[in-house]
Amino acid sequence: MIDHVTIPVSDYDRAKEFYVTALAPLGFELVMEFDGKVGGFARDNRPWFWIREGTPGKTVHVAFTAPDRNSVEAFHQAGVAAGGSDNGGPGLREYHPKYYAAFVLDPDGNNVEAVNHGTD
């Protein structure tokens, strides 16, 4: 099991604004910050997704579990409104019959996904 993930971002404040807004519909909150350049996001108060100001390398793909399809849709809308780019609107995907997901590119081009596996 993964304990935590950290991705470098070129502009911490811009990325923080994006992730605070985009991840809110999924139940994530910014719960820790260090030196105004590192932030940890948590659901249930355990930070496991971190951003830190630095030099981004190759882009990454991070998928967050959504509690239901409405949360997937709210994530997509919030992510685009927060400065992300649409990379695949909410809908069923070919991975399995109930895989409902949406994709948004963050300001550094990372592919951020919200997915519900048919649990709603």
C-alpha atoms as a PDB file:
ATOM      1  CA  MET A   1       0.000   0.000   0.000  1.00  0.00           C
ATOM      2  CA  ILE A   2       1.248   3.485  -0.786  1.00  0.00           C
ATOM      3  CA  ASP A   3       1.773   5.745   2.225  1.00  0.00           C
ATOM      4  CA  HIS A   4       2.076   9.041   0.344  1.00  0.00           C
ATOM      5  CA  VAL A   5       2.852  10.636  -3.002  1.00  0.00           C
ATOM      6  CA  THR A   6       4.580  13.975  -3.629  1.00  0.00           C
ATOM      7  CA  ILE A   7       4.667  15.798  -6.943  1.00  0.00           C
ATOM      8  CA  PRO A   8       6.759  18.854  -7.741  1.00  0.00           C
ATOM      9  CA  VAL A   9       4.898  21.925  -8.993  1.00  0.00           C
ATOM     10  CA  SER A  10       6.347  24.968 -10.722  1.00  0.00           C
ATOM     11  CA  ASP A  11       4.222  27.501  -8.798  1.00  0.00           C
ATOM     12  CA  TYR A  12       3.124  26.377  -5.350  1.00  0.00           C
ATOM     13  CA  ASP A  13       0.413  28.995  -4.832  1.00  0.00           C
ATOM     14  CA  ARG A  14      -1.174  28.334  -8.236  1.00  0.00           C
ATOM     15  CA  ALA A  15      -1.061  24.559  -7.711  1.00  0.00           C
ATOM     16  CA  LYS A  16      -2.397  24.884  -4.166  1.00  0.00           C
ATOM     17  CA  GLU A  17      -5.389  26.877  -5.414  1.00  0.00           C
ATOM     18  CA  PHE A  18      -6.034  24.289  -8.127  1.00  0.00           C
ATOM     19  CA  TYR A  19      -5.854  21.269  -5.805  1.00  0.00           C
ATOM     20  CA  VAL A  20      -7.822  22.874  -2.951  1.00  0.00           C
ATOM     21  CA  THR A  21     -10.657  23.570  -5.400  1.00  0.00           C
ATOM     22  CA  ALA A  22     -10.451  20.422  -7.551  1.00  0.00           C
ATOM     23  CA  LEU A  23     -10.155  17.946  -4.679  1.00  0.00           C
ATOM     24  CA  ALA A  24     -12.828  19.475  -2.421  1.00  0.00           C
ATOM     25  CA  PRO A  25     -15.693  17.573  -4.126  1.00  0.00           C
ATOM     26  CA  LEU A  26     -13.803  14.349  -3.354  1.00  0.00           C
ATOM     27  CA  GLY A  27     -13.565  15.145   0.352  1.00  0.00           C
ATOM     28  CA  PHE A  28      -9.901  16.199   0.381  1.00  0.00           C
ATOM     29  CA  GLU A  29      -8.603  19.172   2.347  1.00  0.00           C
ATOM     30  CA  LEU A  30      -5.252  20.880   2.654  1.00  0.00           C
ATOM     31  CA  VAL A  31      -4.293  19.850   6.203  1.00  0.00           C
ATOM     32  CA  MET A  32      -0.563  20.640   6.413  1.00  0.00           C
ATOM     33  CA  GLU A  33       1.767  23.249   4.960  1.00  0.00           C
ATOM     34  CA  PHE A  34       5.466  23.861   5.410  1.00  0.00           C
ATOM     35  CA  ASP A  35       7.371  27.028   4.510  1.00  0.00           C
ATOM     36  CA  GLY A  36       4.658  28.113   2.056  1.00  0.00           C
ATOM     37  CA  LYS A  37       6.121  25.689  -0.495  1.00  0.00           C
ATOM     38  CA  VAL A  38       4.853  22.237   0.588  1.00  0.00           C
ATOM     39  CA  GLY A  39       1.272  21.132   1.188  1.00  0.00           C
ATOM     40  CA  GLY A  40      -0.377  17.882   2.215  1.00  0.00           C
ATOM     41  CA  PHE A  41      -3.926  16.943   1.258  1.00  0.00           C
ATOM     42  CA  ALA A  42      -5.997  14.468   3.223  1.00  0.00           C
ATOM     43  CA  ARG A  43      -9.312  12.780   3.401  1.00  0.00           C
ATOM     44  CA  ASP A  44     -10.055  11.789   7.013  1.00  0.00           C
ATOM     45  CA  ASN A  45      -7.165  13.994   8.217  1.00  0.00           C
ATOM     46  CA  ARG A  46      -4.295  11.731   7.040  1.00  0.00           C
ATOM     47  CA  PRO A  47      -2.265  13.578   4.404  1.00  0.00           C
ATOM     48  CA  TRP A  48      -1.117  11.265   1.649  1.00  0.00           C
ATOM     49  CA  PHE A  49      -1.088  13.502  -1.435  1.00  0.00           C
ATOM     50  CA  TRP A  50       1.578  16.220  -1.332  1.00  0.00           C
ATOM     51  CA  ILE A  51       2.664  19.020  -3.615  1.00  0.00           C
ATOM     52  CA  ARG A  52       5.958  20.843  -3.288  1.00  0.00           C
ATOM     53  CA  GLU A  53       7.405  23.732  -5.211  1.00  0.00           C
ATOM     54  CA  GLY A  54      10.192  22.527  -7.444  1.00  0.00           C
ATOM     55  CA  THR A  55      11.035  21.686 -10.999  1.00  0.00           C
ATOM     56  CA  PRO A  56       8.477  19.320 -12.479  1.00  0.00           C
ATOM     57  CA  GLY A  57       9.899  16.452 -14.489  1.00  0.00           C
ATOM     58  CA  LYS A  58       7.807  14.212 -16.653  1.00  0.00           C
ATOM     59  CA  THR A  59       4.119  14.536 -15.986  1.00  0.00           C
ATOM     60  CA  VAL A  60       2.351  11.998 -13.801  1.00  0.00           C
ATOM     61  CA  HIS A  61      -1.122  10.505 -13.600  1.00  0.00           C
ATOM     62  CA  VAL A  62      -2.820  10.438 -10.202  1.00  0.00           C
ATOM     63  CA  ALA A  63      -6.287   8.950  -9.709  1.00  0.00           C
ATOM     64  CA  PHE A  64      -8.430   9.777  -6.680  1.00  0.00           C
ATOM     65  CA  THR A  65     -11.317   7.554  -5.604  1.00  0.00           C
ATOM     66  CA  ALA A  66     -14.637   9.371  -5.709  1.00  0.00           C
ATOM     67  CA  PRO A  67     -17.505   8.303  -3.437  1.00  0.00           C
ATOM     68  CA  ASP A  68     -20.073   8.580  -6.251  1.00  0.00           C
ATOM     69  CA  ARG A  69     -20.602   9.765  -9.819  1.00  0.00           C
ATOM     70  CA  ASN A  70     -21.791  13.198  -8.723  1.00  0.00           C
ATOM     71  CA  SER A  71     -18.424  13.725  -7.031  1.00  0.00           C
ATOM     72  CA  VAL A  72     -16.634  12.784 -10.271  1.00  0.00           C
ATOM     73  CA  GLU A  73     -18.679  15.398 -12.114  1.00  0.00           C
ATOM     74  CA  ALA A  74     -18.115  18.041  -9.409  1.00  0.00           C
ATOM     75  CA  PHE A  75     -14.351  17.321  -9.452  1.00  0.00           C
ATOM     76  CA  HIS A  76     -14.190  17.852 -13.216  1.00  0.00           C
ATOM     77  CA  GLN A  77     -16.166  21.093 -13.072  1.00  0.00           C
ATOM     78  CA  ALA A  78     -14.129  22.421 -10.127  1.00  0.00           C
ATOM     79  CA  GLY A  79     -10.800  21.441 -11.685  1.00  0.00           C
ATOM     80  CA  VAL A  80     -11.511  23.230 -14.943  1.00  0.00           C
ATOM     81  CA  ALA A  81     -12.873  26.270 -13.077  1.00  0.00           C
ATOM     82  CA  ALA A  82      -9.665  26.356 -11.005  1.00  0.00           C
ATOM     83  CA  GLY A  83      -7.436  26.662 -14.072  1.00  0.00           C
ATOM     84  CA  GLY A  84      -7.048  23.040 -15.105  1.00  0.00           C
ATOM     85  CA  SER A  85      -7.630  21.786 -18.629  1.00  0.00           C
ATOM     86  CA  ASP A  86     -10.248  19.242 -19.592  1.00  0.00           C
ATOM     87  CA  ASN A  87      -8.604  15.924 -20.432  1.00  0.00           C
ATOM     88  CA  GLY A  88     -11.750  13.797 -20.578  1.00  0.00           C
ATOM     89  CA  GLY A  89     -15.147  14.722 -19.223  1.00  0.00           C
ATOM     90  CA  PRO A  90     -17.159  12.587 -16.824  1.00  0.00           C
ATOM     91  CA  GLY A  91     -18.302   9.294 -18.264  1.00  0.00           C
ATOM     92  CA  LEU A  92     -17.964   5.543 -18.383  1.00  0.00           C
ATOM     93  CA  ARG A  93     -14.590   4.182 -19.497  1.00  0.00           C
ATOM     94  CA  GLU A  94     -13.581   0.891 -21.085  1.00  0.00           C
ATOM     95  CA  TYR A  95     -11.624  -0.387 -18.053  1.00  0.00           C
ATOM     96  CA  HIS A  96     -14.702  -2.165 -16.666  1.00  0.00           C
ATOM     97  CA  PRO A  97     -18.474  -1.651 -17.054  1.00  0.00           C
ATOM     98  CA  LYS A  98     -18.877   0.604 -13.984  1.00  0.00           C
ATOM     99  CA  TYR A  99     -15.641   2.635 -14.274  1.00  0.00           C
ATOM    100  CA  TYR A 100     -16.900   6.232 -14.212  1.00  0.00           C
ATOM    101  CA  ALA A 101     -14.157   8.842 -14.387  1.00  0.00           C
ATOM    102  CA  ALA A 102     -13.126  12.346 -15.382  1.00  0.00           C
ATOM    103  CA  PHE A 103      -9.686  13.759 -16.147  1.00  0.00           C
ATOM    104  CA  VAL A 104      -8.237  17.245 -15.704  1.00  0.00           C
ATOM    105  CA  LEU A 105      -4.705  18.433 -16.440  1.00  0.00           C
ATOM    106  CA  ASP A 106      -3.333  20.485 -13.570  1.00  0.00           C
ATOM    107  CA  PRO A 107      -1.429  23.741 -14.282  1.00  0.00           C
ATOM    108  CA  ASP A 108       1.804  21.734 -14.805  1.00  0.00           C
ATOM    109  CA  GLY A 109       0.188  19.217 -17.161  1.00  0.00           C
ATOM    110  CA  ASN A 110      -0.225  16.340 -14.696  1.00  0.00           C
ATOM    111  CA  ASN A 111      -3.228  14.141 -15.455  1.00  0.00           C
ATOM    112  CA  VAL A 112      -5.513  14.174 -12.414  1.00  0.00           C
ATOM    113  CA  GLU A 113      -8.402  11.733 -12.378  1.00  0.00           C
ATOM    114  CA  ALA A 114     -11.429  11.143 -10.200  1.00  0.00           C
ATOM    115  CA  VAL A 115     -12.926   7.663 -10.484  1.00  0.00           C
ATOM    116  CA  ASN A 116     -15.910   5.828  -9.065  1.00  0.00           C
ATOM    117  CA  HIS A 117     -16.052   2.063  -9.553  1.00  0.00           C
ATOM    118  CA  GLY A 118     -19.813   1.813  -9.445  1.00  0.00           C
ATOM    119  CA  THR A 119     -20.276   2.096  -5.710  1.00  0.00           C
ATOM    120  CA  ASP A 120     -22.955   4.797  -5.839  1.00  0.00           C
END
